[in-house]
């Protein structure tokens, strides 16, 4: 069996863990002949990024080059890391002016949860359509979470922005996870032990680059890869 992980730039943490760690490769489930990692930036998924062709869904970069051909194949399972990378909405600069009604103060313009939900659904449009297409195709796949929210962005010196970020991130994730549940698709959330009591990611999982405020490092990627391996092992009765 082949395991193909496809998604946005958060795939890199999982890929790096697999490439860099002998421990990760040692836990490779028996019965899995190949693990591959395919991805492109999150912004590439906010425009039409796939085509439905004969017996396959083709994922393409904005320049038209092919990232992946997804097929319903007995020997391949796909892990899709899309749908919970929330920063385009949760960390928008607009939250310097606006705020959810429940987090309002006199200096901000209120935005209702109904309005926020519509914004999130619009942001998820192409990703949800893609997931419906590969589900209709009959491909075997599951969903993988992006890392939890991080509190290290310079904008978060304003505590209200930090609260807004976490609030929108939670709403965004809830909408996506509920949509996957309605389709009876399995969703692997981020590991529970990577967040602090306040819900933000523990700093030891931050990437090496000081100005990277949204990704995670390969130490985090190792934990997420182990989740993937455990799921594949249990789902397909594989033995390590």
C-alpha atoms as a PDB file:
ATOM      1  CA  UNK A   1       0.000   0.000   0.000  1.00  0.00           C
ATOM      2  CA  UNK A   2       1.079   3.551  -0.749  1.00  0.00           C
ATOM      3  CA  UNK A   3       0.343   6.475   1.577  1.00  0.00           C
ATOM      4  CA  UNK A   4       0.234   9.852  -0.178  1.00  0.00           C
ATOM      5  CA  UNK A   5       0.006  12.995   1.954  1.00  0.00           C
ATOM      6  CA  UNK A   6      -1.230  16.058   0.070  1.00  0.00           C
ATOM      7  CA  UNK A   7      -1.873  19.563   1.319  1.00  0.00           C
ATOM      8  CA  UNK A   8      -0.635  23.063   1.952  1.00  0.00           C
ATOM      9  CA  UNK A   9       2.753  24.146   3.293  1.00  0.00           C
ATOM     10  CA  UNK A  10       2.048  22.530   6.682  1.00  0.00           C
ATOM     11  CA  UNK A  11       2.850  19.206   5.009  1.00  0.00           C
ATOM     12  CA  UNK A  12       6.518  20.252   5.283  1.00  0.00           C
ATOM     13  CA  UNK A  13       6.719  19.566   9.042  1.00  0.00           C
ATOM     14  CA  UNK A  14       5.519  15.977   8.517  1.00  0.00           C
ATOM     15  CA  UNK A  15       7.763  15.443   5.494  1.00  0.00           C
ATOM     16  CA  UNK A  16      10.799  16.828   7.320  1.00  0.00           C
ATOM     17  CA  UNK A  17      10.167  14.529  10.275  1.00  0.00           C
ATOM     18  CA  UNK A  18      10.037  11.526   7.944  1.00  0.00           C
ATOM     19  CA  UNK A  19      13.171  12.535   6.037  1.00  0.00           C
ATOM     20  CA  UNK A  20      15.237  13.609   9.061  1.00  0.00           C
ATOM     21  CA  UNK A  21      14.283  11.005  11.654  1.00  0.00           C
ATOM     22  CA  UNK A  22      15.361   7.379  11.582  1.00  0.00           C
ATOM     23  CA  UNK A  23      12.896   6.821  14.437  1.00  0.00           C
ATOM     24  CA  UNK A  24      10.056   8.000  12.184  1.00  0.00           C
ATOM     25  CA  UNK A  25      11.055   5.681   9.367  1.00  0.00           C
ATOM     26  CA  UNK A  26      11.513   2.798  11.831  1.00  0.00           C
ATOM     27  CA  UNK A  27       7.845   3.127  12.797  1.00  0.00           C
ATOM     28  CA  UNK A  28       6.776   2.877   9.170  1.00  0.00           C
ATOM     29  CA  UNK A  29       3.893   0.333   9.215  1.00  0.00           C
ATOM     30  CA  UNK A  30       4.526  -3.034   7.614  1.00  0.00           C
ATOM     31  CA  UNK A  31       2.453  -3.341   4.474  1.00  0.00           C
ATOM     32  CA  UNK A  32       3.081   0.271   3.449  1.00  0.00           C
ATOM     33  CA  UNK A  33       5.520   0.224   0.560  1.00  0.00           C
ATOM     34  CA  UNK A  34       5.818   3.985   0.036  1.00  0.00           C
ATOM     35  CA  UNK A  35       5.081   7.279   1.779  1.00  0.00           C
ATOM     36  CA  UNK A  36       5.098  10.438  -0.337  1.00  0.00           C
ATOM     37  CA  UNK A  37       4.465  14.106   0.356  1.00  0.00           C
ATOM     38  CA  UNK A  38       2.943  16.547  -2.126  1.00  0.00           C
ATOM     39  CA  UNK A  39       1.923  20.130  -1.548  1.00  0.00           C
ATOM     40  CA  UNK A  40       1.799  23.785  -2.481  1.00  0.00           C
ATOM     41  CA  UNK A  41       1.154  27.031  -0.618  1.00  0.00           C
ATOM     42  CA  UNK A  42      -2.180  27.572   1.123  1.00  0.00           C
ATOM     43  CA  UNK A  43      -2.978  30.539  -1.142  1.00  0.00           C
ATOM     44  CA  UNK A  44      -2.951  28.204  -4.147  1.00  0.00           C
ATOM     45  CA  UNK A  45      -6.030  26.470  -2.735  1.00  0.00           C
ATOM     46  CA  UNK A  46      -8.149  29.633  -2.710  1.00  0.00           C
ATOM     47  CA  UNK A  47      -8.731  29.505  -6.465  1.00  0.00           C
ATOM     48  CA  UNK A  48      -9.699  26.620  -8.757  1.00  0.00           C
ATOM     49  CA  UNK A  49      -6.829  24.174  -8.193  1.00  0.00           C
ATOM     50  CA  UNK A  50      -8.064  20.884  -9.591  1.00  0.00           C
ATOM     51  CA  UNK A  51      -9.779  19.372 -12.581  1.00  0.00           C
ATOM     52  CA  UNK A  52     -12.101  16.374 -12.671  1.00  0.00           C
ATOM     53  CA  UNK A  53     -10.825  14.148 -15.454  1.00  0.00           C
ATOM     54  CA  UNK A  54     -11.567  10.588 -16.491  1.00  0.00           C
ATOM     55  CA  UNK A  55     -11.422   8.426 -13.342  1.00  0.00           C
ATOM     56  CA  UNK A  56      -9.195  10.901 -11.509  1.00  0.00           C
ATOM     57  CA  UNK A  57      -8.999  14.321  -9.889  1.00  0.00           C
ATOM     58  CA  UNK A  58      -5.888  16.256 -10.911  1.00  0.00           C
ATOM     59  CA  UNK A  59      -4.438  18.815  -8.474  1.00  0.00           C
ATOM     60  CA  UNK A  60      -2.655  21.661 -10.263  1.00  0.00           C
ATOM     61  CA  UNK A  61      -0.505  24.639  -9.335  1.00  0.00           C
ATOM     62  CA  UNK A  62      -1.560  28.107 -10.517  1.00  0.00           C
ATOM     63  CA  UNK A  63       0.865  27.737 -13.465  1.00  0.00           C
ATOM     64  CA  UNK A  64      -0.943  24.562 -14.550  1.00  0.00           C
ATOM     65  CA  UNK A  65       1.763  22.094 -13.512  1.00  0.00           C
ATOM     66  CA  UNK A  66       0.488  18.914 -11.882  1.00  0.00           C
ATOM     67  CA  UNK A  67       0.904  18.284  -8.148  1.00  0.00           C
ATOM     68  CA  UNK A  68      -1.018  15.018  -7.898  1.00  0.00           C
ATOM     69  CA  UNK A  69      -3.341  12.643  -9.716  1.00  0.00           C
ATOM     70  CA  UNK A  70      -5.878  11.246  -7.263  1.00  0.00           C
ATOM     71  CA  UNK A  71      -7.539   7.990  -8.226  1.00  0.00           C
ATOM     72  CA  UNK A  72      -9.694   5.346  -6.581  1.00  0.00           C
ATOM     73  CA  UNK A  73      -7.009   2.683  -6.257  1.00  0.00           C
ATOM     74  CA  UNK A  74      -6.928  -0.358  -3.993  1.00  0.00           C
ATOM     75  CA  UNK A  75      -3.260   0.160  -3.190  1.00  0.00           C
ATOM     76  CA  UNK A  76      -3.302   3.886  -2.296  1.00  0.00           C
ATOM     77  CA  UNK A  77      -4.686   5.885   0.630  1.00  0.00           C
ATOM     78  CA  UNK A  78      -4.481   9.677   0.701  1.00  0.00           C
ATOM     79  CA  UNK A  79      -4.045  11.949   3.705  1.00  0.00           C
ATOM     80  CA  UNK A  80      -5.389  15.425   2.888  1.00  0.00           C
ATOM     81  CA  UNK A  81      -4.068  18.334   4.953  1.00  0.00           C
ATOM     82  CA  UNK A  82      -6.489  21.068   3.952  1.00  0.00           C
ATOM     83  CA  UNK A  83      -9.283  22.986   5.624  1.00  0.00           C
ATOM     84  CA  UNK A  84      -7.832  24.008   8.995  1.00  0.00           C
ATOM     85  CA  UNK A  85      -5.129  26.453   7.904  1.00  0.00           C
ATOM     86  CA  UNK A  86      -7.098  29.464   9.078  1.00  0.00           C
ATOM     87  CA  UNK A  87      -4.695  32.423   9.008  1.00  0.00           C
ATOM     88  CA  UNK A  88      -6.105  34.147   5.921  1.00  0.00           C
ATOM     89  CA  UNK A  89      -9.189  34.868   8.035  1.00  0.00           C
ATOM     90  CA  UNK A  90      -8.119  34.442  11.677  1.00  0.00           C
ATOM     91  CA  UNK A  91      -5.048  36.674  11.333  1.00  0.00           C
ATOM     92  CA  UNK A  92      -6.408  39.182   8.819  1.00  0.00           C
ATOM     93  CA  UNK A  93      -5.292  42.748   9.419  1.00  0.00           C
ATOM     94  CA  UNK A  94      -8.982  43.699   9.332  1.00  0.00           C
ATOM     95  CA  UNK A  95      -9.239  42.506  12.930  1.00  0.00           C
ATOM     96  CA  UNK A  96      -7.349  45.639  13.892  1.00  0.00           C
ATOM     97  CA  UNK A  97     -10.576  47.506  13.062  1.00  0.00           C
ATOM     98  CA  UNK A  98     -13.305  44.880  13.468  1.00  0.00           C
ATOM     99  CA  UNK A  99     -14.073  42.324  16.179  1.00  0.00           C
ATOM    100  CA  UNK A 100     -16.548  39.497  16.756  1.00  0.00           C
ATOM    101  CA  UNK A 101     -19.553  40.748  18.721  1.00  0.00           C
ATOM    102  CA  UNK A 102     -18.642  38.573  21.711  1.00  0.00           C
ATOM    103  CA  UNK A 103     -15.174  40.185  21.919  1.00  0.00           C
ATOM    104  CA  UNK A 104     -16.272  43.750  21.286  1.00  0.00           C
ATOM    105  CA  UNK A 105     -14.996  46.944  22.824  1.00  0.00           C
ATOM    106  CA  UNK A 106     -15.917  50.547  22.038  1.00  0.00           C
ATOM    107  CA  UNK A 107     -12.991  50.956  19.628  1.00  0.00           C
ATOM    108  CA  UNK A 108     -13.905  48.165  17.217  1.00  0.00           C
ATOM    109  CA  UNK A 109     -16.658  47.679  14.633  1.00  0.00           C
ATOM    110  CA  UNK A 110     -18.781  44.620  15.514  1.00  0.00           C
ATOM    111  CA  UNK A 111     -19.068  41.587  13.238  1.00  0.00           C
ATOM    112  CA  UNK A 112     -21.715  38.965  13.958  1.00  0.00           C
ATOM    113  CA  UNK A 113     -20.937  35.250  14.069  1.00  0.00           C
ATOM    114  CA  UNK A 114     -23.317  34.815  11.116  1.00  0.00           C
ATOM    115  CA  UNK A 115     -21.160  37.184   9.044  1.00  0.00           C
ATOM    116  CA  UNK A 116     -17.979  35.447  10.170  1.00  0.00           C
ATOM    117  CA  UNK A 117     -19.418  32.040   9.239  1.00  0.00           C
ATOM    118  CA  UNK A 118     -20.190  33.275   5.727  1.00  0.00           C
ATOM    119  CA  UNK A 119     -16.633  34.604   5.359  1.00  0.00           C
ATOM    120  CA  UNK A 120     -15.193  31.273   6.484  1.00  0.00           C
ATOM    121  CA  UNK A 121     -17.448  29.257   4.164  1.00  0.00           C
ATOM    122  CA  UNK A 122     -16.367  31.428   1.250  1.00  0.00           C
ATOM    123  CA  UNK A 123     -12.713  30.898   2.201  1.00  0.00           C
ATOM    124  CA  UNK A 124     -13.264  27.122   2.295  1.00  0.00           C
ATOM    125  CA  UNK A 125     -15.224  26.995  -0.972  1.00  0.00           C
ATOM    126  CA  UNK A 126     -12.684  25.353  -3.290  1.00  0.00           C
ATOM    127  CA  UNK A 127     -11.301  23.039  -0.612  1.00  0.00           C
ATOM    128  CA  UNK A 128     -14.732  21.670   0.244  1.00  0.00           C
ATOM    129  CA  UNK A 129     -15.597  21.241  -3.433  1.00  0.00           C
ATOM    130  CA  UNK A 130     -12.331  19.349  -3.927  1.00  0.00           C
ATOM    131  CA  UNK A 131     -13.012  17.031  -0.995  1.00  0.00           C
ATOM    132  CA  UNK A 132     -16.501  16.323  -2.329  1.00  0.00           C
ATOM    133  CA  UNK A 133     -15.030  15.496  -5.735  1.00  0.00           C
ATOM    134  CA  UNK A 134     -12.488  12.972  -4.441  1.00  0.00           C
ATOM    135  CA  UNK A 135     -15.130  11.504  -2.138  1.00  0.00           C
ATOM    136  CA  UNK A 136     -17.479  11.033  -5.101  1.00  0.00           C
ATOM    137  CA  UNK A 137     -14.604   9.502  -7.049  1.00  0.00           C
ATOM    138  CA  UNK A 138     -14.340   6.760  -4.434  1.00  0.00           C
ATOM    139  CA  UNK A 139     -10.741   7.505  -3.467  1.00  0.00           C
ATOM    140  CA  UNK A 140      -9.689   6.227  -0.054  1.00  0.00           C
ATOM    141  CA  UNK A 141      -8.657   9.194   2.079  1.00  0.00           C
ATOM    142  CA  UNK A 142      -8.699  10.871   5.471  1.00  0.00           C
ATOM    143  CA  UNK A 143      -8.138  14.445   6.662  1.00  0.00           C
ATOM    144  CA  UNK A 144      -5.222  15.832   8.665  1.00  0.00           C
ATOM    145  CA  UNK A 145      -5.274  18.959  10.834  1.00  0.00           C
ATOM    146  CA  UNK A 146      -2.949  21.904  10.439  1.00  0.00           C
ATOM    147  CA  UNK A 147      -0.941  22.789  13.573  1.00  0.00           C
ATOM    148  CA  UNK A 148      -2.818  24.602  16.353  1.00  0.00           C
ATOM    149  CA  UNK A 149      -2.764  28.412  16.510  1.00  0.00           C
ATOM    150  CA  UNK A 150       0.471  30.118  17.557  1.00  0.00           C
ATOM    151  CA  UNK A 151       0.774  33.141  19.828  1.00  0.00           C
ATOM    152  CA  UNK A 152       4.101  34.501  18.574  1.00  0.00           C
ATOM    153  CA  UNK A 153       2.900  36.898  15.851  1.00  0.00           C
ATOM    154  CA  UNK A 154       3.996  40.528  16.478  1.00  0.00           C
ATOM    155  CA  UNK A 155       0.368  41.695  16.167  1.00  0.00           C
ATOM    156  CA  UNK A 156      -0.449  39.734  19.300  1.00  0.00           C
ATOM    157  CA  UNK A 157       1.193  42.224  21.613  1.00  0.00           C
ATOM    158  CA  UNK A 158      -2.373  43.532  21.539  1.00  0.00           C
ATOM    159  CA  UNK A 159      -4.095  40.888  23.666  1.00  0.00           C
ATOM    160  CA  UNK A 160      -7.437  41.472  21.965  1.00  0.00           C
ATOM    161  CA  UNK A 161      -5.961  40.488  18.578  1.00  0.00           C
ATOM    162  CA  UNK A 162      -4.683  37.290  20.175  1.00  0.00           C
ATOM    163  CA  UNK A 163      -8.155  36.493  21.515  1.00  0.00           C
ATOM    164  CA  UNK A 164      -9.755  37.235  18.149  1.00  0.00           C
ATOM    165  CA  UNK A 165      -7.243  34.989  16.366  1.00  0.00           C
ATOM    166  CA  UNK A 166      -8.026  32.059  18.656  1.00  0.00           C
ATOM    167  CA  UNK A 167     -11.781  32.694  18.429  1.00  0.00           C
ATOM    168  CA  UNK A 168     -11.838  32.767  14.614  1.00  0.00           C
ATOM    169  CA  UNK A 169      -9.475  29.798  14.379  1.00  0.00           C
ATOM    170  CA  UNK A 170     -11.836  27.743  16.559  1.00  0.00           C
ATOM    171  CA  UNK A 171     -14.904  28.733  14.493  1.00  0.00           C
ATOM    172  CA  UNK A 172     -13.099  27.940  11.249  1.00  0.00           C
ATOM    173  CA  UNK A 173     -12.006  24.521  12.474  1.00  0.00           C
ATOM    174  CA  UNK A 174     -15.484  23.749  13.798  1.00  0.00           C
ATOM    175  CA  UNK A 175     -17.083  24.492  10.432  1.00  0.00           C
ATOM    176  CA  UNK A 176     -14.600  22.303   8.571  1.00  0.00           C
ATOM    177  CA  UNK A 177     -14.679  19.404  11.029  1.00  0.00           C
ATOM    178  CA  UNK A 178     -18.493  19.413  11.040  1.00  0.00           C
ATOM    179  CA  UNK A 179     -18.492  19.321   7.228  1.00  0.00           C
ATOM    180  CA  UNK A 180     -16.175  16.296   7.292  1.00  0.00           C
ATOM    181  CA  UNK A 181     -18.366  14.593   9.877  1.00  0.00           C
ATOM    182  CA  UNK A 182     -21.426  15.076   7.656  1.00  0.00           C
ATOM    183  CA  UNK A 183     -19.537  13.285   4.883  1.00  0.00           C
ATOM    184  CA  UNK A 184     -18.507  10.538   7.337  1.00  0.00           C
ATOM    185  CA  UNK A 185     -14.838  11.280   6.699  1.00  0.00           C
ATOM    186  CA  UNK A 186     -12.157  10.682   9.319  1.00  0.00           C
ATOM    187  CA  UNK A 187     -10.337  13.760  10.637  1.00  0.00           C
ATOM    188  CA  UNK A 188      -7.007  13.491  12.486  1.00  0.00           C
ATOM    189  CA  UNK A 189      -6.836  16.494  14.803  1.00  0.00           C
ATOM    190  CA  UNK A 190      -3.513  17.889  15.985  1.00  0.00           C
ATOM    191  CA  UNK A 191      -1.939  15.965  18.898  1.00  0.00           C
ATOM    192  CA  UNK A 192      -3.511  17.000  22.202  1.00  0.00           C
ATOM    193  CA  UNK A 193      -0.170  17.378  24.000  1.00  0.00           C
ATOM    194  CA  UNK A 194       1.188  20.150  21.747  1.00  0.00           C
ATOM    195  CA  UNK A 195      -0.920  22.999  23.178  1.00  0.00           C
ATOM    196  CA  UNK A 196      -0.611  25.070  26.341  1.00  0.00           C
ATOM    197  CA  UNK A 197      -3.462  25.642  28.764  1.00  0.00           C
ATOM    198  CA  UNK A 198      -4.440  28.763  26.800  1.00  0.00           C
ATOM    199  CA  UNK A 199      -4.969  26.741  23.594  1.00  0.00           C
ATOM    200  CA  UNK A 200      -1.896  28.018  21.721  1.00  0.00           C
ATOM    201  CA  UNK A 201       0.895  25.740  20.534  1.00  0.00           C
ATOM    202  CA  UNK A 202       3.773  25.016  22.913  1.00  0.00           C
ATOM    203  CA  UNK A 203       6.790  27.030  21.785  1.00  0.00           C
ATOM    204  CA  UNK A 204       9.106  24.031  21.500  1.00  0.00           C
ATOM    205  CA  UNK A 205       7.200  23.121  18.331  1.00  0.00           C
ATOM    206  CA  UNK A 206       7.788  26.504  16.687  1.00  0.00           C
ATOM    207  CA  UNK A 207       9.847  26.428  13.465  1.00  0.00           C
ATOM    208  CA  UNK A 208      13.474  27.499  13.412  1.00  0.00           C
ATOM    209  CA  UNK A 209      12.782  30.652  11.378  1.00  0.00           C
ATOM    210  CA  UNK A 210      11.964  33.425  13.840  1.00  0.00           C
ATOM    211  CA  UNK A 211       9.652  35.202  11.373  1.00  0.00           C
ATOM    212  CA  UNK A 212       7.588  32.092  10.585  1.00  0.00           C
ATOM    213  CA  UNK A 213       4.486  32.578  12.722  1.00  0.00           C
ATOM    214  CA  UNK A 214       2.160  29.882  11.410  1.00  0.00           C
ATOM    215  CA  UNK A 215       3.972  26.599  10.773  1.00  0.00           C
ATOM    216  CA  UNK A 216       5.451  23.957  13.071  1.00  0.00           C
ATOM    217  CA  UNK A 217       8.811  22.205  13.201  1.00  0.00           C
ATOM    218  CA  UNK A 218       9.771  18.604  12.481  1.00  0.00           C
ATOM    219  CA  UNK A 219       9.430  17.685  16.173  1.00  0.00           C
ATOM    220  CA  UNK A 220       5.730  18.497  15.821  1.00  0.00           C
ATOM    221  CA  UNK A 221       5.714  16.804  12.418  1.00  0.00           C
ATOM    222  CA  UNK A 222       6.997  13.590  14.042  1.00  0.00           C
ATOM    223  CA  UNK A 223       4.004  13.520  16.416  1.00  0.00           C
ATOM    224  CA  UNK A 224       1.584  14.104  13.564  1.00  0.00           C
ATOM    225  CA  UNK A 225       3.273  11.483  11.401  1.00  0.00           C
ATOM    226  CA  UNK A 226       2.872   8.955  14.219  1.00  0.00           C
ATOM    227  CA  UNK A 227      -0.852   9.758  14.244  1.00  0.00           C
ATOM    228  CA  UNK A 228      -0.991   9.061  10.517  1.00  0.00           C
ATOM    229  CA  UNK A 229       0.890   5.775  10.886  1.00  0.00           C
ATOM    230  CA  UNK A 230      -1.318   4.636  13.783  1.00  0.00           C
ATOM    231  CA  UNK A 231      -4.451   5.458  11.822  1.00  0.00           C
ATOM    232  CA  UNK A 232      -3.269   3.651   8.693  1.00  0.00           C
ATOM    233  CA  UNK A 233      -2.211   0.657  10.778  1.00  0.00           C
ATOM    234  CA  UNK A 234      -5.564   0.431  12.563  1.00  0.00           C
ATOM    235  CA  UNK A 235      -7.718   1.175   9.521  1.00  0.00           C
ATOM    236  CA  UNK A 236      -6.004  -1.291   7.229  1.00  0.00           C
ATOM    237  CA  UNK A 237      -5.061  -3.924   9.838  1.00  0.00           C
ATOM    238  CA  UNK A 238      -1.345  -3.378   9.290  1.00  0.00           C
ATOM    239  CA  UNK A 239       1.229  -4.517  11.820  1.00  0.00           C
ATOM    240  CA  UNK A 240       4.365  -2.541  12.750  1.00  0.00           C
END
